[in-house]
Amino acid sequence: MEAVLSRVREKLREDLPPALLIGKAPETDLGYRYVTGAPYTAVVIGSLEPGQLLQFREERVLTALLEGIPVLLYTPGLPGKNRSLQTAMGSALRQLQSWGVRLTDGRPGHRLISAQEARRLKEQGLEPPPGGILTPSARDILNL
């Protein structure tokens, strides 16, 4: 029985769109089949060390952004409890968002809303999606 279930799960994963995985695979299913090379339709950053985030220079991610390929950063994969370091990492995250990286915690409907996304929503007269998590800047833009 377990072998059959395993094969069914494997077959279902084959039907998912391919995503280049950077770091460790997210604990939450983001709806992609992870690959190590082209072709892929998205890039998923599953984890980053603090130094990698603070001095972000991942060529494959930057190339994907330049080519218009969606890039997602799984935020539970980010380390740290130090308040000063968290502030610096928050600044680095805002930089990545300004480049087009989308933050996600993997929960359906719980996507992080950046300042850029908040501006777009406001211009279109839309509300943030239910369960959306707003950054402080996004909250200010939307006057919430």
Protein backbone atom coordinates (compact mmCIF):
# COMPACT_ATOMS: atom_id res chain seq x y z
CA MET A 1 0.00 0.00 0.00
CA GLU A 2 2.79 2.42 0.94
CA ALA A 3 4.55 1.76 -2.38
CA VAL A 4 1.37 2.61 -4.30
CA LEU A 5 0.86 5.82 -2.30
CA SER A 6 4.49 6.76 -2.87
CA ARG A 7 4.11 6.26 -6.64
CA VAL A 8 0.88 8.30 -6.71
CA ARG A 9 2.60 11.16 -4.82
CA GLU A 10 5.54 11.00 -7.22
CA LYS A 11 3.21 11.11 -10.25
CA LEU A 12 1.35 14.11 -8.82
CA ARG A 13 4.67 15.96 -8.30
CA GLU A 14 5.61 15.33 -11.94
CA ASP A 15 2.59 17.39 -13.01
CA LEU A 16 3.68 20.43 -10.96
CA PRO A 17 5.54 23.29 -12.66
CA PRO A 18 9.32 23.11 -12.23
CA ALA A 19 11.09 25.60 -9.93
CA LEU A 20 14.80 26.04 -9.41
CA LEU A 21 15.48 25.48 -5.71
CA ILE A 22 18.03 27.64 -3.89
CA GLY A 23 18.93 26.34 -0.41
CA LYS A 24 16.84 23.79 1.44
CA ALA A 25 13.38 22.77 0.27
CA PRO A 26 10.62 24.61 2.15
CA GLU A 27 8.76 22.60 4.76
CA THR A 28 5.50 23.76 3.19
CA ASP A 29 4.41 22.66 -0.28
CA LEU A 30 4.52 25.76 -2.48
CA GLY A 31 3.08 23.98 -5.52
CA TYR A 32 6.32 23.36 -7.44
CA ARG A 33 8.47 20.41 -8.39
CA TYR A 34 12.04 21.35 -7.47
CA VAL A 35 14.79 21.04 -10.06
CA THR A 36 18.51 21.83 -10.04
CA GLY A 37 18.76 23.33 -13.51
CA ALA A 38 16.90 24.67 -16.54
CA PRO A 39 14.19 24.59 -17.66
CA TYR A 40 12.14 26.05 -14.82
CA THR A 41 9.20 28.43 -14.52
CA ALA A 42 10.05 29.93 -11.12
CA VAL A 43 12.83 30.14 -8.54
CA VAL A 44 12.18 29.22 -4.91
CA ILE A 45 14.65 30.36 -2.26
CA GLY A 46 13.99 27.85 0.51
CA SER A 47 16.62 29.08 2.95
CA LEU A 48 19.36 31.67 3.27
CA GLU A 49 22.11 32.13 5.82
CA PRO A 50 22.33 35.64 7.32
CA GLY A 51 25.47 36.46 5.31
CA GLN A 52 23.80 35.33 2.10
CA LEU A 53 20.82 37.59 2.77
CA LEU A 54 22.83 40.61 3.89
CA GLN A 55 25.12 40.43 0.84
CA PHE A 56 22.76 38.90 -1.69
CA ARG A 57 24.53 38.06 -4.94
CA GLU A 58 22.92 34.80 -6.08
CA GLU A 59 23.51 34.95 -9.83
CA ARG A 60 20.74 32.47 -10.74
CA VAL A 61 18.16 34.53 -8.83
CA LEU A 62 19.32 37.83 -10.32
CA THR A 63 19.25 36.33 -13.81
CA ALA A 64 15.73 34.99 -13.25
CA LEU A 65 14.56 38.42 -12.08
CA LEU A 66 16.08 40.05 -15.16
CA GLU A 67 14.28 37.50 -17.35
CA GLY A 68 10.93 38.06 -15.62
CA ILE A 69 10.84 34.61 -13.99
CA PRO A 70 8.98 34.69 -10.65
CA VAL A 71 11.20 34.38 -7.57
CA LEU A 72 9.77 33.39 -4.19
CA LEU A 73 11.56 33.59 -0.85
CA TYR A 74 10.26 31.22 1.81
CA THR A 75 10.43 33.43 4.90
CA PRO A 76 10.32 30.70 7.60
CA GLY A 77 13.69 29.63 6.16
CA LEU A 78 15.27 32.84 7.42
CA PRO A 79 17.33 32.56 10.60
CA GLY A 80 17.79 34.87 13.55
CA LYS A 81 16.47 36.23 16.79
CA ASN A 82 19.00 39.06 17.33
CA ARG A 83 17.07 42.35 17.09
CA SER A 84 19.89 44.37 15.47
CA LEU A 85 20.57 41.65 12.95
CA GLN A 86 16.85 41.30 12.27
CA THR A 87 16.71 45.04 11.43
CA ALA A 88 19.56 44.67 8.93
CA MET A 89 17.95 41.55 7.49
CA GLY A 90 14.62 43.40 7.17
CA SER A 91 16.39 46.05 5.12
CA ALA A 92 17.92 43.33 2.92
CA LEU A 93 14.45 41.78 2.45
CA ARG A 94 13.03 45.13 1.35
CA GLN A 95 15.86 45.39 -1.19
CA LEU A 96 15.01 41.94 -2.57
CA GLN A 97 11.32 42.88 -2.73
CA SER A 98 12.18 46.05 -4.64
CA TRP A 99 13.91 43.80 -7.18
CA GLY A 100 10.74 41.72 -7.53
CA VAL A 101 11.29 38.84 -5.09
CA ARG A 102 7.98 37.73 -3.55
CA LEU A 103 7.96 36.72 0.11
CA THR A 104 5.85 33.77 1.22
CA ASP A 105 5.37 31.76 4.38
CA GLY A 106 3.76 29.00 2.33
CA ARG A 107 0.28 29.20 3.84
CA PRO A 108 -2.52 29.66 1.30
CA GLY A 109 -3.81 33.21 1.43
CA HIS A 110 -1.05 34.24 3.84
CA ARG A 111 1.26 35.88 1.41
CA LEU A 112 3.31 38.82 2.51
CA ILE A 113 2.23 42.16 1.04
CA SER A 114 5.16 44.46 0.30
CA ALA A 115 5.07 48.24 -0.09
CA GLN A 116 5.25 47.79 -3.87
CA GLU A 117 2.26 45.43 -3.84
CA ALA A 118 0.38 47.79 -1.49
CA ARG A 119 0.88 50.68 -3.94
CA ARG A 120 -0.48 48.52 -6.76
CA LEU A 121 -3.51 47.53 -4.67
CA LYS A 122 -4.17 51.16 -3.70
CA GLU A 123 -3.89 52.37 -7.31
CA GLN A 124 -6.41 49.74 -8.36
CA GLY A 125 -8.73 50.48 -5.44
CA LEU A 126 -8.34 46.95 -4.08
CA GLU A 127 -8.06 45.61 -0.54
CA PRO A 128 -5.32 43.22 0.55
CA PRO A 129 -6.36 39.56 0.24
CA PRO A 130 -7.82 37.92 3.34
CA GLY A 131 -5.01 36.56 5.48
CA GLY A 132 -2.42 38.73 3.71
CA ILE A 133 0.47 39.77 5.95
CA LEU A 134 1.40 43.42 5.48
CA THR A 135 4.86 44.81 6.01
CA PRO A 136 4.93 48.02 8.10
CA SER A 137 5.49 50.07 4.93
CA ALA A 138 2.55 48.40 3.19
CA ARG A 139 0.35 49.09 6.21
CA ASP A 140 1.31 52.79 6.04
CA ILE A 141 0.59 52.98 2.32
CA LEU A 142 -2.83 51.41 2.76
CA ASN A 143 -3.52 53.54 5.88
CA LEU A 144 -4.38 50.47 7.95
